[in-house]
Structure formats: C-alpha cells, structure tokens
N, C-alpha and C. Protein backbone atom coordinates (compact mmCIF):
# COMPACT_ATOMS: atom_id res chain seq x y z
N MET A 1 8.37 -12.74 64.31
CA MET A 1 7.22 -11.92 63.93
C MET A 1 6.22 -12.83 63.22
N GLY A 2 4.98 -12.51 63.28
CA GLY A 2 3.91 -13.34 62.70
C GLY A 2 3.88 -13.19 61.17
N MET A 3 2.78 -13.59 60.63
CA MET A 3 2.50 -13.46 59.22
C MET A 3 2.34 -12.02 58.78
N SER A 4 2.75 -11.74 57.57
CA SER A 4 2.64 -10.37 57.07
C SER A 4 1.14 -10.05 56.77
N LEU A 5 0.90 -8.86 56.65
CA LEU A 5 -0.55 -8.36 56.38
C LEU A 5 -0.95 -8.90 55.03
N GLU A 6 0.02 -8.93 54.03
CA GLU A 6 -0.40 -9.52 52.80
C GLU A 6 -0.67 -10.99 52.87
N GLY A 7 0.04 -11.67 53.70
CA GLY A 7 -0.13 -13.11 53.90
C GLY A 7 -1.45 -13.31 54.67
N ARG A 8 -1.78 -12.52 55.63
CA ARG A 8 -3.05 -12.67 56.41
C ARG A 8 -4.19 -12.42 55.42
N VAL A 9 -4.15 -11.41 54.59
CA VAL A 9 -5.31 -11.14 53.68
C VAL A 9 -5.44 -12.37 52.70
N ARG A 10 -4.28 -12.87 52.06
CA ARG A 10 -4.40 -14.03 51.18
C ARG A 10 -5.03 -15.22 51.94
N SER A 11 -4.52 -15.53 53.20
CA SER A 11 -5.11 -16.62 53.92
C SER A 11 -6.57 -16.39 54.25
N ALA A 12 -6.95 -15.19 54.57
CA ALA A 12 -8.36 -14.82 54.90
C ALA A 12 -9.23 -15.01 53.67
N VAL A 13 -8.70 -14.64 52.53
CA VAL A 13 -9.59 -14.69 51.30
C VAL A 13 -9.73 -16.25 51.02
N ALA A 14 -8.58 -17.02 51.13
CA ALA A 14 -8.67 -18.49 50.87
C ALA A 14 -9.80 -19.08 51.86
N ALA A 15 -9.68 -18.71 53.06
CA ALA A 15 -10.64 -19.33 54.15
C ALA A 15 -12.04 -18.87 53.87
N LEU A 16 -12.20 -17.67 53.45
CA LEU A 16 -13.59 -17.21 53.06
C LEU A 16 -14.15 -18.00 51.81
N LEU A 17 -13.27 -18.18 50.80
CA LEU A 17 -13.71 -18.93 49.64
C LEU A 17 -14.18 -20.27 50.09
N HIS A 18 -13.39 -20.96 50.93
CA HIS A 18 -13.67 -22.32 51.38
C HIS A 18 -15.00 -22.32 52.26
N ALA A 19 -15.03 -21.51 53.17
CA ALA A 19 -16.22 -21.28 54.10
C ALA A 19 -17.53 -21.15 53.36
N ALA A 20 -17.39 -20.29 52.35
CA ALA A 20 -18.54 -19.91 51.59
C ALA A 20 -18.88 -20.91 50.47
N GLY A 21 -17.90 -21.80 50.20
CA GLY A 21 -18.04 -22.78 49.11
C GLY A 21 -17.96 -22.05 47.73
N GLU A 22 -17.19 -20.99 47.61
CA GLU A 22 -17.10 -20.34 46.34
C GLU A 22 -15.79 -20.65 45.65
N SER A 23 -15.74 -20.39 44.31
CA SER A 23 -14.52 -20.58 43.54
C SER A 23 -13.91 -19.14 43.39
N GLN A 24 -12.71 -19.18 42.94
CA GLN A 24 -12.07 -17.79 42.53
C GLN A 24 -12.85 -17.23 41.47
N THR A 25 -13.46 -18.02 40.53
CA THR A 25 -14.18 -17.37 39.52
C THR A 25 -15.42 -16.62 40.02
N GLU A 26 -16.13 -17.22 40.97
CA GLU A 26 -17.31 -16.62 41.54
C GLU A 26 -16.86 -15.30 42.30
N LEU A 27 -15.76 -15.31 42.97
CA LEU A 27 -15.36 -14.08 43.62
C LEU A 27 -15.02 -13.11 42.67
N ALA A 28 -14.19 -13.49 41.59
CA ALA A 28 -13.76 -12.52 40.60
C ALA A 28 -15.01 -11.93 39.89
N THR A 29 -16.04 -12.61 39.67
CA THR A 29 -17.30 -12.08 39.04
C THR A 29 -17.84 -10.98 39.96
N ALA A 30 -17.92 -11.35 41.19
CA ALA A 30 -18.50 -10.39 42.24
C ALA A 30 -17.68 -9.15 42.40
N LEU A 31 -16.34 -9.29 42.16
CA LEU A 31 -15.48 -8.05 42.27
C LEU A 31 -15.34 -7.37 40.93
N GLY A 32 -15.80 -7.98 39.89
CA GLY A 32 -15.62 -7.32 38.57
C GLY A 32 -14.20 -7.38 37.96
N VAL A 33 -13.54 -8.42 38.30
CA VAL A 33 -12.22 -8.75 37.70
C VAL A 33 -12.10 -10.13 37.17
N SER A 34 -11.11 -10.44 36.55
CA SER A 34 -10.92 -11.86 35.93
C SER A 34 -10.52 -12.78 37.08
N GLN A 35 -10.72 -14.05 36.77
CA GLN A 35 -10.29 -15.16 37.78
C GLN A 35 -8.75 -15.10 37.79
N ALA A 36 -8.09 -14.81 36.69
CA ALA A 36 -6.61 -14.70 36.76
C ALA A 36 -6.10 -13.66 37.64
N GLN A 37 -6.89 -12.54 37.70
CA GLN A 37 -6.40 -11.47 38.66
C GLN A 37 -6.63 -11.93 40.07
N VAL A 38 -7.64 -12.64 40.44
CA VAL A 38 -7.79 -13.21 41.70
C VAL A 38 -6.69 -14.20 42.00
N SER A 39 -6.35 -15.09 41.09
CA SER A 39 -5.33 -16.04 41.17
C SER A 39 -4.00 -15.38 41.48
N ARG A 40 -3.69 -14.37 40.66
CA ARG A 40 -2.43 -13.69 40.89
C ARG A 40 -2.32 -13.03 42.39
N ARG A 41 -3.42 -12.67 42.79
CA ARG A 41 -3.44 -11.95 44.13
C ARG A 41 -3.34 -12.92 45.23
N GLN A 42 -3.95 -14.13 44.92
CA GLN A 42 -3.86 -15.19 46.00
C GLN A 42 -2.53 -15.93 45.92
N SER A 43 -1.78 -15.89 44.87
CA SER A 43 -0.43 -16.51 44.72
C SER A 43 0.67 -15.57 45.28
N GLY A 44 0.28 -14.31 45.39
CA GLY A 44 1.30 -13.38 45.89
C GLY A 44 2.00 -12.66 44.69
N THR A 45 1.76 -12.99 43.50
CA THR A 45 2.40 -12.22 42.35
C THR A 45 1.90 -10.90 42.22
N ALA A 46 0.65 -10.59 42.73
CA ALA A 46 0.02 -9.32 42.80
C ALA A 46 -0.51 -9.10 44.10
N ALA A 47 -0.72 -7.82 44.55
CA ALA A 47 -1.15 -7.62 45.93
C ALA A 47 -2.68 -7.26 45.88
N TRP A 48 -3.29 -7.59 47.01
CA TRP A 48 -4.68 -7.08 47.24
C TRP A 48 -4.60 -5.65 47.62
N SER A 49 -5.21 -4.78 46.97
CA SER A 49 -5.19 -3.36 47.33
C SER A 49 -6.22 -3.15 48.44
N LEU A 50 -6.21 -1.96 49.06
CA LEU A 50 -7.14 -1.69 50.12
C LEU A 50 -8.52 -1.66 49.57
N THR A 51 -8.69 -1.08 48.40
CA THR A 51 -9.97 -1.06 47.68
C THR A 51 -10.46 -2.53 47.29
N ASP A 52 -9.58 -3.39 47.03
CA ASP A 52 -9.90 -4.83 46.83
C ASP A 52 -10.42 -5.38 48.13
N CYS A 53 -9.73 -5.14 49.13
CA CYS A 53 -9.98 -5.66 50.61
C CYS A 53 -11.47 -5.19 50.85
N GLU A 54 -11.72 -3.87 50.66
CA GLU A 54 -13.03 -3.44 51.01
C GLU A 54 -14.11 -4.14 50.17
N ALA A 55 -13.82 -4.45 48.87
CA ALA A 55 -14.80 -5.12 48.07
C ALA A 55 -14.98 -6.58 48.49
N VAL A 56 -13.84 -7.23 48.81
CA VAL A 56 -13.95 -8.60 49.36
C VAL A 56 -14.71 -8.68 50.62
N ALA A 57 -14.48 -7.84 51.50
CA ALA A 57 -15.30 -7.73 52.87
C ALA A 57 -16.69 -7.52 52.57
N ALA A 58 -17.00 -6.46 51.70
CA ALA A 58 -18.39 -6.21 51.41
C ALA A 58 -19.12 -7.50 50.72
N HIS A 59 -18.39 -8.03 49.86
CA HIS A 59 -19.00 -9.35 49.20
C HIS A 59 -19.32 -10.39 50.20
N TYR A 60 -18.52 -10.58 51.27
CA TYR A 60 -18.76 -11.65 52.27
C TYR A 60 -19.55 -11.11 53.50
N GLY A 61 -19.89 -9.80 53.43
CA GLY A 61 -20.70 -9.26 54.60
C GLY A 61 -19.93 -9.13 55.90
N ILE A 62 -18.71 -8.93 55.76
CA ILE A 62 -17.93 -8.65 57.05
C ILE A 62 -17.27 -7.37 56.98
N ASP A 63 -16.72 -6.94 58.13
CA ASP A 63 -16.01 -5.77 58.23
C ASP A 63 -14.52 -5.96 57.55
N VAL A 64 -14.11 -4.95 56.90
CA VAL A 64 -12.81 -5.02 56.34
C VAL A 64 -11.70 -5.32 57.37
N LEU A 65 -11.86 -4.75 58.56
CA LEU A 65 -10.87 -5.13 59.77
C LEU A 65 -10.82 -6.61 60.04
N GLU A 66 -12.01 -7.22 59.94
CA GLU A 66 -11.99 -8.76 60.07
C GLU A 66 -11.11 -9.41 59.11
N LEU A 67 -11.31 -8.95 57.83
CA LEU A 67 -10.55 -9.56 56.72
C LEU A 67 -8.99 -9.35 56.96
N LEU A 68 -8.60 -8.09 57.39
CA LEU A 68 -7.25 -7.85 57.59
C LEU A 68 -6.61 -8.57 58.80
N ALA A 69 -7.55 -8.95 59.76
CA ALA A 69 -7.07 -9.64 60.93
C ALA A 69 -6.65 -11.08 60.64
N GLY A 70 -7.07 -11.63 59.49
CA GLY A 70 -6.57 -13.00 59.14
C GLY A 70 -7.75 -13.97 59.02
N PRO A 71 -7.43 -15.22 58.66
CA PRO A 71 -8.40 -16.19 58.41
C PRO A 71 -9.43 -16.59 59.47
N THR A 72 -8.85 -16.64 60.71
CA THR A 72 -9.75 -17.09 61.75
C THR A 72 -10.81 -15.99 62.06
N ARG A 73 -10.46 -14.75 62.28
CA ARG A 73 -11.31 -13.68 62.40
C ARG A 73 -12.23 -13.47 61.29
N ALA A 74 -11.77 -13.62 59.97
CA ALA A 74 -12.62 -13.39 58.86
C ALA A 74 -13.72 -14.50 58.82
N THR A 75 -13.36 -15.72 59.03
CA THR A 75 -14.37 -16.74 58.86
C THR A 75 -15.38 -16.75 60.11
N GLU A 76 -14.80 -16.34 61.23
CA GLU A 76 -15.75 -16.25 62.41
C GLU A 76 -16.78 -15.10 62.17
N ALA A 77 -16.43 -14.04 61.42
CA ALA A 77 -17.29 -12.96 61.17
C ALA A 77 -18.25 -13.28 60.04
N LEU A 78 -17.97 -14.25 59.24
CA LEU A 78 -18.77 -14.61 58.04
C LEU A 78 -20.23 -14.91 58.53
N PRO A 79 -21.19 -14.19 58.01
CA PRO A 79 -22.58 -14.42 58.38
C PRO A 79 -23.00 -15.88 58.00
N ALA A 80 -23.89 -16.42 58.88
CA ALA A 80 -24.30 -17.81 58.67
C ALA A 80 -24.99 -17.96 57.31
N ALA A 81 -25.64 -16.94 56.73
CA ALA A 81 -26.31 -17.11 55.48
C ALA A 81 -25.24 -17.22 54.25
N ARG A 82 -23.99 -16.80 54.57
CA ARG A 82 -23.10 -16.88 53.53
C ARG A 82 -22.15 -18.17 53.61
N ARG A 83 -22.37 -18.98 54.63
CA ARG A 83 -21.53 -20.23 54.85
C ARG A 83 -22.18 -21.26 53.78
N ARG A 84 -21.23 -22.22 53.50
CA ARG A 84 -21.52 -23.27 52.70
C ARG A 84 -22.59 -24.10 53.23
N VAL A 85 -22.64 -24.43 54.48
CA VAL A 85 -23.75 -25.04 55.14
C VAL A 85 -24.43 -24.05 56.12
N PRO A 86 -25.70 -23.72 55.68
CA PRO A 86 -26.38 -22.57 56.31
C PRO A 86 -26.53 -22.82 57.84
N GLY A 87 -26.22 -21.80 58.56
CA GLY A 87 -26.42 -21.83 60.03
C GLY A 87 -25.60 -22.87 60.77
N ARG A 88 -25.94 -23.04 61.91
CA ARG A 88 -25.17 -24.11 62.79
C ARG A 88 -26.10 -25.24 63.03
N GLN A 89 -27.17 -25.47 62.25
CA GLN A 89 -28.08 -26.55 62.44
C GLN A 89 -27.39 -27.90 62.40
N ALA A 90 -26.41 -27.91 61.61
CA ALA A 90 -25.61 -29.22 61.39
C ALA A 90 -25.21 -29.83 62.83
N SER A 91 -24.85 -28.91 63.74
CA SER A 91 -24.40 -29.50 64.96
C SER A 91 -25.56 -30.06 65.77
N THR A 92 -26.76 -29.67 65.53
CA THR A 92 -27.83 -30.18 66.29
C THR A 92 -28.46 -31.47 65.59
N GLN A 93 -27.96 -31.79 64.42
CA GLN A 93 -28.40 -32.89 63.66
C GLN A 93 -27.36 -33.87 63.46
N ARG A 94 -26.58 -34.09 64.61
CA ARG A 94 -25.43 -35.09 64.40
C ARG A 94 -26.00 -36.50 64.24
N PRO A 95 -25.16 -37.37 63.54
CA PRO A 95 -25.63 -38.67 63.40
C PRO A 95 -25.72 -39.29 64.77
N ALA A 96 -26.54 -40.31 64.93
CA ALA A 96 -26.74 -40.95 66.19
C ALA A 96 -25.43 -41.74 66.56
N VAL A 97 -25.03 -41.66 67.72
CA VAL A 97 -23.90 -42.32 68.23
C VAL A 97 -24.23 -43.60 68.89
N ILE A 98 -23.74 -44.69 68.49
CA ILE A 98 -24.06 -45.97 69.03
C ILE A 98 -23.02 -46.32 70.08
N GLU A 99 -23.41 -46.46 71.25
CA GLU A 99 -22.49 -46.76 72.34
C GLU A 99 -22.23 -48.23 72.47
N ARG A 100 -20.92 -48.56 72.60
CA ARG A 100 -20.67 -49.96 72.65
C ARG A 100 -19.78 -50.21 73.89
N GLY A 101 -20.04 -51.22 74.46
CA GLY A 101 -19.26 -51.63 75.71
C GLY A 101 -17.82 -51.98 75.24
N VAL A 102 -16.81 -51.36 75.90
CA VAL A 102 -15.49 -51.69 75.50
C VAL A 102 -14.86 -52.41 76.67
C-alpha cells in the first residue's frame, strides 16, 4: 500500500513550502498558529486536521483535494504567482548553451 493520507498531507505541505519559498513561520502566521504547531504537524507528532488542510489549501490558492492527493498534485496546482520563481519564464531564459565538437 502507498503512503498514508497523513504522510501525503505532510509531504504536500513540505513541497508547497519549498515551491513557494516560505518558511514554517510564514505558514504558521498565515494560519494563525505558532511555528511550533506547524513543526509538530510536519514531524507527525500532531496531525493536520481537515480544517487545517482547508486553511493550508486556501493559503496556497489550491483545492483541498489537491493537497490531500500529495506533493506532486499539490505543487502542480500551485498558482504561478505563488511560486518562488514567478511563472515559467525561467524556462525561456535559459543560459546560452555553447556547443563543442566532441
């Protein structure tokens, strides 16, 4: 069997924090809880409640079902404006590749 729902939520929150370039402290402030509470939920010593999941999803601008689906779906659903690097413009501005004869 795959990852538990609790594990998927913890992984999704970690992936969203990374993708958005946010810290646990910033997420905690947005949720109105302490950083220690976010840390306990992320370490598995406390669980993310459904109400928490709804608040996390709203904070990141995604549907709660995307959060519950796990890190891949959650980060794919993350709006471009919430990403650490806005949009996908970085892919069009790749460094020049110097071709060398091998």
